[in-house]
Amino acid sequence: MSYSPRLSSGFTMAKNRSAFISPQSGMCSLCTQDCSGTCEVAQASVLGAQTVYPTTTGNNQIASEKDYPIDFSHFNINGRVFGAQGVYETCDEATIFNVELERSYGFYNTVKMTMPVILPALIKLNWQDYFAGAAMAGVTCVIGEHARNNEPNLKIDRGQVTDFPLLEKALGCFAEYDRGYGQIVLQCNVDDDLLGVPKIAIKKYGTKAIEIKFGQGAKGTQPAIRLKNLETALVKQRQGNLVHPDPSDPLVQKAYEDGICPNFYTYGRLPLWTETSLMDHIAMLRDIGADNIYFKMAGYDKADIEEVIRIACKAKVDMITFDGAGGGSGYSPSKMMNEWSLPTICLEDAVVRICKKLHSEGCRLPAMVMTGGFASEDQVFKGLAYGDGHVQGIGLCRASMAAAMTGKTIGEQIQKGQVPERFKPYGSTIEDIFCDLPDLRAIYGTQANTFSTGAIGVFSYLNKIAFGLRHFAALNRKFNLDLLDKSDIIPLTSEARALMDNKWFVR
């Protein structure tokens, strides 16, 4: 059998014409010259290199379509009937309402969250409500890399960003609803660093936390984006982007005039940190005012994972988010989404074993967060339990953005008097239909009735995750999530047992 998708996907809306498929290639087993060209091969024959990347970005999100041979569905959640840990052993105390979900982390500046969840890096679609909803829910969220590319009024002087209004707006989306829990973080890649984005973010806009990006499950290398013409290529180059071929080269310009110049591409520079340069960069960020430092890492080689964690310990980094294969949302090569990096649970297994090793050596570890394909409370619980005390949180990116988008859309429909059939039994107004508004009013007062329904959607979705976690924790008679470990999950398959027994990676 093949775990990889056919040559049809939501990345490009390509479709196999035939019901008969060659499993290894993913092509139709009978390929005919009469085909009008619907599959990925046909699209590539016309659109070429562009089809390495998704063609359905924009108002959409993208995630892996590969059916990995192991994931959290290979485990069930355990349950117990005797005793109660974390509360007094009385029927009145041992309830779901007394399950402790709060988390705190940080070496020099402590950050508290209402639940073991973060909203990972994103700066597309309805990001305003994504960040606002995070503040309402009391969790940390991250502004994605290359945010400057979404800024039409960005100003650059002598190779350094001098004005970045979008960043101020993004920070404000969180700050307006900040209730003392969570933090909004700015993710920066190499291009952002070269253009001085973290410096202006901290000094001019008051950013308190920076996330340094090594990579993520969806994006092992940075994107290459095709440019339409020489003029656009020159503009991108002046903005500090790496452009290939060099549009300022007279020979390239002559080739363009003669109609024989190849396509221009911008390409995001790859991070090439050393321990020394990384330590110096972190020291600089702290010197200019950063309170917290975060890392974003992916399912790279296990030796690289260990090195990143060791550097984080030495530099007193506050949190590392590990993004496994199966996650996504960014503008990433389609095959990279499906075929690159460790699946999330395998990545978590590697991270936990490395954490145990470093803990035994006396290292003080950062908070560890796993992300990549999580969407429901059972998955979050399993991820925390598999962490064996070394994973403090789970990242919910695409699902939270889906809540931001649909919450906004449904709210607009209700305001127009077009209540979706699915929700008519609950009433006809936003107050009637958005069922967790009372919980928001308990925090913010009646002004919560005026909040954006997209942000209410994010809050409500995360409220559901928290409520579900309380049920699973109480089911295991563990009333503090710090108590979760691998005894709280049950392997259902040979692959799951092999992973838990450290035999899955044997080569």
Protein backbone atom coordinates (compact mmCIF):
# COMPACT_ATOMS: atom_id res chain seq x y z
CA MET A 1 0.00 0.00 0.00
CA SER A 2 1.03 3.64 -0.43
CA TYR A 3 0.70 6.23 2.33
CA SER A 4 1.22 9.11 -0.11
CA PRO A 5 -1.69 10.89 -1.79
CA ARG A 6 -2.51 10.36 -5.45
CA LEU A 7 -1.54 13.02 -7.96
CA SER A 8 -4.66 14.93 -6.97
CA SER A 9 -4.88 17.31 -4.06
CA GLY A 10 -6.34 20.40 -2.49
CA PHE A 11 -2.93 22.07 -2.98
CA THR A 12 -3.59 22.54 -6.70
CA MET A 13 -7.12 21.19 -7.16
CA ALA A 14 -5.59 18.57 -9.44
CA LYS A 15 -7.62 15.39 -9.92
CA ASN A 16 -6.94 11.91 -11.25
CA ARG A 17 -9.20 11.24 -14.22
CA SER A 18 -9.40 7.48 -13.66
CA ALA A 19 -10.61 5.38 -10.75
CA PHE A 20 -7.74 3.02 -11.54
CA ILE A 21 -4.52 4.25 -9.93
CA SER A 22 -0.92 3.05 -9.97
CA PRO A 23 -0.14 2.98 -6.21
CA GLN A 24 3.58 3.79 -6.43
CA SER A 25 3.41 6.78 -8.79
CA GLY A 26 -0.06 8.05 -7.90
CA MET A 27 -0.81 8.40 -11.62
CA CYS A 28 -3.81 6.91 -13.38
CA SER A 29 -2.82 3.40 -14.43
CA LEU A 30 -4.26 4.15 -17.89
CA CYS A 31 -2.95 7.50 -19.10
CA THR A 32 -4.50 8.57 -22.38
CA GLN A 33 -3.66 11.30 -24.88
CA ASP A 34 -7.35 12.17 -24.93
CA CYS A 35 -7.18 13.46 -21.33
CA SER A 36 -7.84 17.19 -21.04
CA GLY A 37 -5.20 17.46 -18.32
CA THR A 38 -6.52 17.38 -14.75
CA CYS A 39 -3.76 15.71 -12.65
CA GLU A 40 -0.59 17.22 -11.19
CA VAL A 41 1.53 15.97 -14.09
CA ALA A 42 -0.77 17.69 -16.57
CA GLN A 43 -0.71 20.92 -14.58
CA ALA A 44 3.09 20.79 -14.37
CA SER A 45 3.31 20.35 -18.15
CA VAL A 46 1.69 23.78 -18.51
CA LEU A 47 2.54 25.72 -15.35
CA GLY A 48 5.98 24.21 -14.71
CA ALA A 49 7.92 25.06 -11.58
CA GLN A 50 5.00 27.00 -10.08
CA THR A 51 3.25 23.72 -9.32
CA VAL A 52 5.88 22.82 -6.72
CA TYR A 53 3.96 25.26 -4.54
CA PRO A 54 0.24 25.25 -3.79
CA THR A 55 -1.86 27.16 -6.29
CA THR A 56 -4.83 27.38 -3.94
CA THR A 57 -3.39 29.75 -1.34
CA GLY A 58 -4.99 33.12 -0.67
CA ASN A 59 -8.24 32.75 1.25
CA ASN A 60 -7.41 29.15 2.07
CA GLN A 61 -5.26 27.08 4.41
CA ILE A 62 -3.10 24.16 3.37
CA ALA A 63 -2.20 20.98 5.29
CA SER A 64 -0.62 17.63 4.56
CA GLU A 65 -2.74 15.01 2.80
CA LYS A 66 -0.42 12.09 3.48
CA ASP A 67 -1.81 9.21 5.55
CA TYR A 68 1.16 8.67 7.86
CA PRO A 69 1.70 5.12 9.13
CA ILE A 70 1.39 6.30 12.75
CA ASP A 71 -0.39 9.15 14.49
CA PHE A 72 -2.27 9.83 17.72
CA SER A 73 -5.24 7.76 16.53
CA HIS A 74 -3.06 4.70 17.26
CA PHE A 75 -3.65 5.41 20.96
CA ASN A 76 -6.74 5.46 23.16
CA ILE A 77 -7.08 7.35 26.41
CA ASN A 78 -6.86 5.41 29.66
CA GLY A 79 -9.29 5.76 32.58
CA ARG A 80 -9.34 5.02 36.31
CA VAL A 81 -11.96 4.60 39.04
CA PHE A 82 -9.94 4.70 42.29
CA GLY A 83 -8.38 7.68 44.01
CA ALA A 84 -7.91 11.30 42.96
CA GLN A 85 -4.60 13.07 42.37
CA GLY A 86 -4.33 16.83 42.59
CA VAL A 87 -7.45 17.45 44.72
CA TYR A 88 -8.93 16.29 48.01
CA GLU A 89 -10.38 12.82 47.55
CA THR A 90 -14.00 13.78 48.00
CA CYS A 91 -16.83 13.58 45.50
CA ASP A 92 -17.45 17.29 45.89
CA GLU A 93 -13.85 18.24 45.11
CA ALA A 94 -12.99 15.66 42.45
CA THR A 95 -14.96 17.29 39.62
CA ILE A 96 -14.12 18.51 36.15
CA PHE A 97 -14.36 22.09 37.41
CA ASN A 98 -11.39 21.54 39.72
CA VAL A 99 -9.00 20.26 37.04
CA GLU A 100 -6.02 22.62 36.97
CA LEU A 101 -5.28 23.61 33.37
CA GLU A 102 -3.07 26.67 33.93
CA ARG A 103 0.49 26.66 32.68
CA SER A 104 3.41 29.00 33.30
CA TYR A 105 6.84 29.22 31.69
CA GLY A 106 9.79 31.57 31.36
CA PHE A 107 13.31 31.97 32.73
CA TYR A 108 13.49 35.71 33.40
CA ASN A 109 9.89 36.76 32.70
CA THR A 110 7.13 34.34 33.70
CA VAL A 111 4.19 33.97 31.32
CA LYS A 112 0.98 32.35 32.56
CA MET A 113 -1.60 30.70 30.31
CA THR A 114 -5.10 29.55 31.20
CA MET A 115 -4.58 26.21 29.44
CA PRO A 116 -1.77 24.15 27.86
CA VAL A 117 -2.33 25.55 24.36
CA ILE A 118 -0.66 28.11 22.11
CA LEU A 119 -1.68 29.51 18.72
CA PRO A 120 1.43 29.10 16.51
CA ALA A 121 2.79 31.51 13.93
CA LEU A 122 0.36 32.87 11.37
CA ILE A 123 -0.18 36.15 9.51
CA LYS A 124 -2.82 35.43 6.90
CA LEU A 125 -6.59 35.19 6.57
CA ASN A 126 -8.44 36.48 9.66
CA TRP A 127 -5.35 37.09 11.75
CA GLN A 128 -6.99 39.97 13.62
CA ASP A 129 -9.48 37.67 15.34
CA TYR A 130 -6.86 34.91 15.67
CA PHE A 131 -4.76 37.15 17.94
CA ALA A 132 -7.73 38.77 19.70
CA GLY A 133 -9.26 35.36 20.43
CA ALA A 134 -5.95 34.15 21.87
CA ALA A 135 -5.94 37.05 24.33
CA MET A 136 -9.57 36.36 25.28
CA ALA A 137 -8.77 32.70 25.87
CA GLY A 138 -5.60 33.60 27.78
CA VAL A 139 -3.02 31.79 25.66
CA THR A 140 0.14 32.72 23.80
CA CYS A 141 0.01 33.42 20.06
CA VAL A 142 2.63 34.12 17.40
CA ILE A 143 2.75 36.58 14.48
CA GLY A 144 4.21 34.69 11.52
CA GLU A 145 7.46 35.36 9.68
CA HIS A 146 7.57 37.70 6.68
CA ALA A 147 4.72 39.76 8.18
CA ARG A 148 6.35 42.73 6.44
CA ASN A 149 5.36 41.24 3.08
CA ASN A 150 1.72 41.87 4.04
CA GLU A 151 2.42 45.53 4.77
CA PRO A 152 1.63 47.85 1.83
CA ASN A 153 2.98 50.85 3.74
CA LEU A 154 6.28 49.28 4.80
CA LYS A 155 9.16 51.75 4.74
CA ILE A 156 12.79 50.72 4.31
CA ASP A 157 15.74 53.09 4.57
CA ARG A 158 19.28 51.92 3.81
CA GLY A 159 18.33 48.29 4.14
CA GLN A 160 16.47 48.63 7.44
CA VAL A 161 12.74 48.71 8.13
CA THR A 162 11.76 52.09 9.57
CA ASP A 163 7.96 51.93 9.54
CA PHE A 164 5.77 48.83 9.95
CA PRO A 165 2.15 49.83 10.78
CA LEU A 166 0.76 46.31 10.34
CA LEU A 167 2.90 45.09 13.25
CA GLU A 168 1.46 47.74 15.52
CA LYS A 169 -2.05 46.65 14.52
CA ALA A 170 -1.29 42.95 15.10
CA LEU A 171 0.15 43.64 18.55
CA GLY A 172 -2.87 45.80 19.31
CA CYS A 173 -5.30 42.99 18.46
CA PHE A 174 -3.92 41.04 21.42
CA ALA A 175 -3.24 44.00 23.71
CA GLU A 176 -6.85 45.24 23.54
CA TYR A 177 -8.09 42.05 25.22
CA ASP A 178 -5.00 41.12 27.25
CA ARG A 179 -6.11 39.93 30.69
CA GLY A 180 -2.72 38.95 32.08
CA TYR A 181 -2.49 35.54 30.47
CA GLY A 182 -0.48 34.55 27.42
CA GLN A 183 1.75 36.70 25.27
CA ILE A 184 1.90 37.82 21.65
CA VAL A 185 5.19 36.88 20.02
CA LEU A 186 6.80 38.03 16.76
CA GLN A 187 8.40 35.29 14.67
CA CYS A 188 11.43 36.37 12.65
CA ASN A 189 13.38 34.56 9.96
CA VAL A 190 16.77 35.44 8.50
CA ASP A 191 15.38 38.02 6.07
CA ASP A 192 13.47 39.71 8.89
CA ASP A 193 16.67 39.83 10.95
CA LEU A 194 18.73 41.32 8.11
CA LEU A 195 16.11 44.04 7.61
CA GLY A 196 16.13 44.90 11.32
CA VAL A 197 12.54 43.78 11.96
CA PRO A 198 13.14 42.50 15.53
CA LYS A 199 14.92 45.73 16.44
CA ILE A 200 12.17 48.06 15.26
CA ALA A 201 9.55 45.69 16.68
CA ILE A 202 11.07 45.95 20.16
CA LYS A 203 12.26 49.55 20.14
CA LYS A 204 9.43 51.28 18.24
CA TYR A 205 6.41 49.04 18.72
CA GLY A 206 7.05 47.55 22.16
CA THR A 207 7.22 43.89 21.17
CA LYS A 208 8.14 41.86 24.26
CA ALA A 209 8.90 38.47 22.72
CA ILE A 210 10.70 37.21 19.61
CA GLU A 211 10.51 33.71 18.11
CA ILE A 212 13.58 32.59 16.14
CA LYS A 213 12.59 30.32 13.29
CA PHE A 214 14.67 27.29 12.32
CA GLY A 215 11.91 25.70 10.29
CA GLN A 216 8.55 24.04 10.61
CA GLY A 217 6.81 20.88 9.55
CA ALA A 218 5.29 22.57 6.54
CA LYS A 219 8.31 24.51 5.44
CA GLY A 220 11.73 22.93 5.59
CA THR A 221 13.10 25.51 3.19
CA GLN A 222 11.80 28.99 2.59
CA PRO A 223 9.50 29.72 -0.35
CA ALA A 224 10.60 30.67 -3.86
CA ILE A 225 8.01 32.98 -5.41
CA ARG A 226 7.85 33.67 -9.15
CA LEU A 227 7.85 37.34 -10.15
CA LYS A 228 6.10 38.64 -13.23
CA ASN A 229 8.68 41.04 -14.64
CA LEU A 230 11.97 42.86 -14.23
CA GLU A 231 10.37 45.88 -12.58
CA THR A 232 8.82 43.75 -9.83
CA ALA A 233 12.11 41.90 -9.36
CA LEU A 234 13.98 45.18 -8.87
CA VAL A 235 11.41 46.38 -6.33
CA LYS A 236 11.70 43.13 -4.37
CA GLN A 237 15.49 43.36 -4.43
CA ARG A 238 15.40 46.95 -3.14
CA GLN A 239 13.17 45.69 -0.30
CA GLY A 240 15.97 43.37 0.80
CA ASN A 241 14.77 40.14 -0.80
CA LEU A 242 17.09 37.64 -2.44
CA VAL A 243 16.15 37.60 -6.15
CA HIS A 244 17.39 35.11 -8.73
CA PRO A 245 18.68 35.84 -11.30
CA ASP A 246 20.06 39.20 -10.14
CA PRO A 247 17.77 41.82 -11.73
CA SER A 248 20.38 44.56 -11.25
CA ASP A 249 22.93 42.68 -13.37
CA PRO A 250 23.26 44.49 -16.75
CA LEU A 251 23.55 41.15 -18.57
CA VAL A 252 20.30 39.94 -16.99
CA GLN A 253 18.59 43.22 -17.91
CA LYS A 254 19.83 42.89 -21.50
CA ALA A 255 18.51 39.30 -21.64
CA TYR A 256 15.14 40.57 -20.38
CA GLU A 257 15.02 43.26 -23.08
CA ASP A 258 15.85 40.60 -25.69
CA GLY A 259 13.10 38.31 -24.42
CA ILE A 260 15.47 35.52 -23.37
CA CYS A 261 15.58 36.03 -19.60
CA PRO A 262 14.45 33.14 -17.37
CA ASN A 263 11.83 33.58 -14.65
CA PHE A 264 12.68 35.78 -11.71
CA TYR A 265 12.17 34.33 -8.22
CA THR A 266 12.42 35.72 -4.72
CA TYR A 267 13.81 33.19 -2.28
CA GLY A 268 13.73 33.29 1.50
CA ARG A 269 17.22 32.92 2.89
CA LEU A 270 17.96 29.76 4.88
CA PRO A 271 19.04 30.09 8.53
CA LEU A 272 22.70 29.16 8.95
CA TRP A 273 23.14 29.72 12.66
CA THR A 274 26.09 28.56 14.71
CA GLU A 275 25.89 28.27 18.49
CA THR A 276 28.02 31.40 18.82
CA SER A 277 26.03 33.53 16.37
CA LEU A 278 22.75 32.37 17.87
CA MET A 279 23.85 33.12 21.43
CA ASP A 280 25.04 36.57 20.33
CA HIS A 281 21.73 37.24 18.56
CA ILE A 282 19.71 36.27 21.63
CA ALA A 283 21.92 38.46 23.84
CA MET A 284 21.33 41.38 21.46
CA LEU A 285 17.56 40.87 21.56
CA ARG A 286 17.57 40.87 25.36
CA ASP A 287 19.85 43.92 25.50
CA ILE A 288 17.39 45.97 23.43
CA GLY A 289 14.38 44.93 25.50
CA ALA A 290 13.06 41.47 24.68
CA ASP A 291 11.53 39.84 27.77
CA ASN A 292 11.10 36.35 26.28
CA ILE A 293 12.81 34.34 23.55
CA TYR A 294 11.16 31.49 21.66
CA PHE A 295 12.43 28.94 19.12
CA LYS A 296 10.41 27.38 16.29
CA MET A 297 11.81 24.01 15.22
CA ALA A 298 10.65 21.13 13.05
CA GLY A 299 11.13 17.43 12.48
CA TYR A 300 14.69 17.62 11.26
CA ASP A 301 17.39 15.04 11.95
CA LYS A 302 17.46 14.01 15.62
CA ALA A 303 21.02 15.29 16.02
CA ASP A 304 19.83 18.75 14.95
CA ILE A 305 16.88 18.56 17.36
CA GLU A 306 19.20 17.78 20.25
CA GLU A 307 21.59 20.58 19.31
CA VAL A 308 18.76 23.12 19.19
CA ILE A 309 17.48 22.03 22.61
CA ARG A 310 21.00 22.16 24.10
CA ILE A 311 21.52 25.69 22.76
CA ALA A 312 18.10 26.68 24.11
CA CYS A 313 19.07 25.41 27.57
CA LYS A 314 22.34 27.31 27.47
CA ALA A 315 20.69 30.51 26.21
CA LYS A 316 17.75 30.19 28.63
CA VAL A 317 15.19 30.23 25.83
CA ASP A 318 11.67 30.26 27.24
CA MET A 319 9.81 27.98 24.81
CA ILE A 320 10.47 25.76 21.79
CA THR A 321 7.62 24.85 19.46
CA PHE A 322 8.21 21.67 17.44
CA ASP A 323 6.14 21.40 14.26
CA GLY A 324 5.68 17.90 12.88
CA ALA A 325 4.69 16.60 9.47
CA GLY A 326 0.97 16.70 9.05
CA GLY A 327 0.73 20.33 10.08
CA GLY A 328 0.71 23.32 7.82
CA SER A 329 -0.99 26.53 6.81
CA GLY A 330 1.90 28.35 5.17
CA TYR A 331 2.90 28.84 1.56
CA SER A 332 4.95 25.66 1.33
CA PRO A 333 5.94 23.20 -1.40
CA SER A 334 3.20 20.62 -1.77
CA LYS A 335 5.49 17.60 -1.63
CA MET A 336 7.30 19.11 1.34
CA MET A 337 3.96 19.23 3.14
CA ASN A 338 3.39 15.55 2.51
CA GLU A 339 6.79 13.92 2.27
CA TRP A 340 9.20 15.82 4.51
CA SER A 341 10.10 15.59 8.21
CA LEU A 342 9.09 13.45 11.16
CA PRO A 343 5.36 12.92 11.72
CA THR A 344 4.26 14.81 14.80
CA ILE A 345 4.08 11.87 17.21
CA CYS A 346 7.48 10.58 16.06
CA LEU A 347 8.93 14.05 16.50
CA GLU A 348 7.44 14.23 19.98
CA ASP A 349 8.93 10.84 20.84
CA ALA A 350 12.38 12.08 19.80
CA VAL A 351 11.97 15.36 21.70
CA VAL A 352 10.85 13.65 24.90
CA ARG A 353 13.74 11.18 24.86
CA ILE A 354 16.21 14.02 24.32
CA CYS A 355 14.58 16.01 27.14
CA LYS A 356 14.93 13.08 29.52
CA LYS A 357 18.59 12.74 28.58
CA LEU A 358 19.32 16.44 29.12
CA HIS A 359 17.30 16.52 32.35
CA SER A 360 19.45 13.69 33.69
CA GLU A 361 22.50 15.83 32.88
CA GLY A 362 21.11 18.63 35.05
CA CYS A 363 19.91 20.93 32.26
CA ARG A 364 17.01 23.27 32.93
CA LEU A 365 14.75 22.85 29.94
CA PRO A 366 12.54 25.40 28.17
CA ALA A 367 8.82 24.81 27.87
CA MET A 368 8.24 22.33 25.05
CA VAL A 369 5.24 22.65 22.73
CA MET A 370 4.17 20.19 20.04
CA THR A 371 2.17 21.22 16.99
CA GLY A 372 1.25 19.71 13.64
CA GLY A 373 -2.19 18.31 12.95
CA PHE A 374 -3.84 18.81 16.36
CA ALA A 375 -7.48 19.91 16.28
CA SER A 376 -9.51 18.21 19.03
CA GLU A 377 -9.31 17.75 22.79
CA ASP A 378 -8.54 14.03 22.60
CA GLN A 379 -5.51 14.76 20.40
CA VAL A 380 -4.36 17.51 22.78
CA PHE A 381 -4.71 15.17 25.77
CA LYS A 382 -2.77 12.40 24.02
CA GLY A 383 -0.04 14.85 23.02
CA LEU A 384 0.33 16.06 26.59
CA ALA A 385 0.29 12.53 28.00
CA TYR A 386 2.85 11.28 25.49
CA GLY A 387 5.07 14.17 26.60
CA ASP A 388 5.64 12.37 29.93
CA GLY A 389 5.88 15.65 31.80
CA HIS A 390 8.24 17.28 29.28
CA VAL A 391 5.60 18.78 26.95
CA GLN A 392 3.85 21.78 28.47
CA GLY A 393 1.57 22.70 25.59
CA ILE A 394 0.05 21.86 22.24
CA GLY A 395 -0.15 24.23 19.27
CA LEU A 396 -3.52 24.64 17.57
CA CYS A 397 -2.96 26.71 14.44
CA ARG A 398 -5.13 25.74 11.48
CA ALA A 399 -8.06 24.75 13.69
CA SER A 400 -7.97 28.06 15.57
CA MET A 401 -7.83 29.99 12.31
CA ALA A 402 -10.76 27.93 11.02
CA ALA A 403 -12.66 29.04 14.14
CA ALA A 404 -11.69 32.67 13.47
CA MET A 405 -12.88 32.48 9.87
CA THR A 406 -16.12 30.60 10.41
CA GLY A 407 -17.02 32.50 13.56
CA LYS A 408 -16.73 35.75 11.61
CA THR A 409 -18.71 34.42 8.62
CA ILE A 410 -21.52 32.95 10.72
CA GLY A 411 -21.74 36.16 12.74
CA GLU A 412 -22.12 38.18 9.55
CA GLN A 413 -24.85 35.83 8.35
CA ILE A 414 -26.74 36.16 11.64
CA GLN A 415 -26.51 39.96 11.50
CA LYS A 416 -28.04 39.87 8.00
CA GLY A 417 -30.90 37.73 9.28
CA GLN A 418 -29.60 34.71 7.38
CA VAL A 419 -29.13 32.28 10.27
CA PRO A 420 -27.63 29.01 8.96
CA GLU A 421 -30.06 26.10 9.28
CA ARG A 422 -27.62 24.25 11.54
CA PHE A 423 -27.90 26.97 14.20
CA LYS A 424 -31.58 27.98 13.99
CA PRO A 425 -32.56 25.72 16.93
CA TYR A 426 -30.38 27.90 19.19
CA GLY A 427 -32.04 31.21 18.34
CA SER A 428 -31.81 34.09 15.92
CA THR A 429 -29.26 36.49 17.43
CA ILE A 430 -25.54 36.40 18.12
CA GLU A 431 -26.30 36.40 21.85
CA ASP A 432 -28.54 33.37 21.45
CA ILE A 433 -26.36 31.36 19.10
CA PHE A 434 -22.81 31.94 20.38
CA CYS A 435 -23.27 29.80 23.47
CA ASP A 436 -20.05 30.72 25.32
CA LEU A 437 -20.73 34.46 25.35
CA PRO A 438 -21.73 34.22 29.05
CA ASP A 439 -18.21 32.98 29.82
CA LEU A 440 -16.75 35.98 27.98
CA ARG A 441 -19.09 38.37 29.77
CA ALA A 442 -17.93 36.91 33.08
CA ILE A 443 -14.41 38.06 32.14
CA TYR A 444 -14.99 41.34 30.28
CA GLY A 445 -18.48 42.40 31.30
CA THR A 446 -21.30 43.22 28.91
CA GLN A 447 -18.89 44.78 26.39
CA ALA A 448 -18.23 41.19 25.31
CA ASN A 449 -21.54 41.40 23.44
CA THR A 450 -19.83 43.78 21.00
CA PHE A 451 -16.76 41.62 20.33
CA SER A 452 -16.04 40.37 16.83
CA THR A 453 -17.69 37.01 16.28
CA GLY A 454 -14.44 35.76 14.74
CA ALA A 455 -12.63 36.36 18.03
CA ILE A 456 -15.58 34.91 19.95
CA GLY A 457 -15.23 31.88 17.67
CA VAL A 458 -11.59 31.40 18.64
CA PHE A 459 -12.42 31.80 22.33
CA SER A 460 -15.32 29.35 22.05
CA TYR A 461 -13.26 26.78 20.17
CA LEU A 462 -10.48 26.93 22.77
CA ASN A 463 -13.09 26.84 25.54
CA LYS A 464 -14.32 23.57 24.04
CA ILE A 465 -10.75 22.19 24.02
CA ALA A 466 -10.30 23.15 27.68
CA PHE A 467 -13.67 21.67 28.67
CA GLY A 468 -12.83 18.41 26.91
CA LEU A 469 -9.41 18.24 28.57
CA ARG A 470 -11.07 18.54 31.97
CA HIS A 471 -13.22 15.52 31.20
CA PHE A 472 -10.33 13.31 30.10
CA ALA A 473 -8.20 14.38 33.07
CA ALA A 474 -11.01 13.65 35.54
CA LEU A 475 -11.57 10.32 33.81
CA ASN A 476 -8.00 9.42 34.73
CA ARG A 477 -8.48 10.85 38.24
CA LYS A 478 -5.73 13.38 37.58
CA PHE A 479 -6.91 16.86 38.47
CA ASN A 480 -3.74 18.69 37.47
CA LEU A 481 -2.37 18.31 33.96
CA ASP A 482 1.16 18.31 35.36
CA LEU A 483 0.40 14.74 36.45
CA LEU A 484 -0.20 13.40 32.93
CA ASP A 485 2.18 10.77 31.57
CA LYS A 486 2.27 7.85 29.15
CA SER A 487 0.30 5.66 31.54
CA ASP A 488 -2.72 7.77 30.56
CA ILE A 489 -2.73 6.48 26.97
CA ILE A 490 -3.08 2.97 25.55
CA PRO A 491 -1.20 1.83 22.42
CA LEU A 492 -3.57 0.11 20.02
CA THR A 493 -1.22 -1.02 17.25
CA SER A 494 2.17 -2.63 16.83
CA GLU A 495 3.49 0.67 15.47
CA ALA A 496 2.33 2.48 18.61
CA ARG A 497 3.90 -0.11 20.89
CA ALA A 498 7.16 0.00 18.91
CA LEU A 499 7.28 3.79 19.21
CA MET A 500 6.75 3.67 22.97
CA ASP A 501 9.40 0.95 23.28
CA ASN A 502 11.93 3.02 21.29
CA LYS A 503 12.02 0.45 18.47
CA TRP A 504 10.27 2.43 15.77
CA PHE A 505 13.40 4.30 14.62
CA VAL A 506 15.58 1.17 14.34
CA ARG A 507 17.25 1.09 10.91
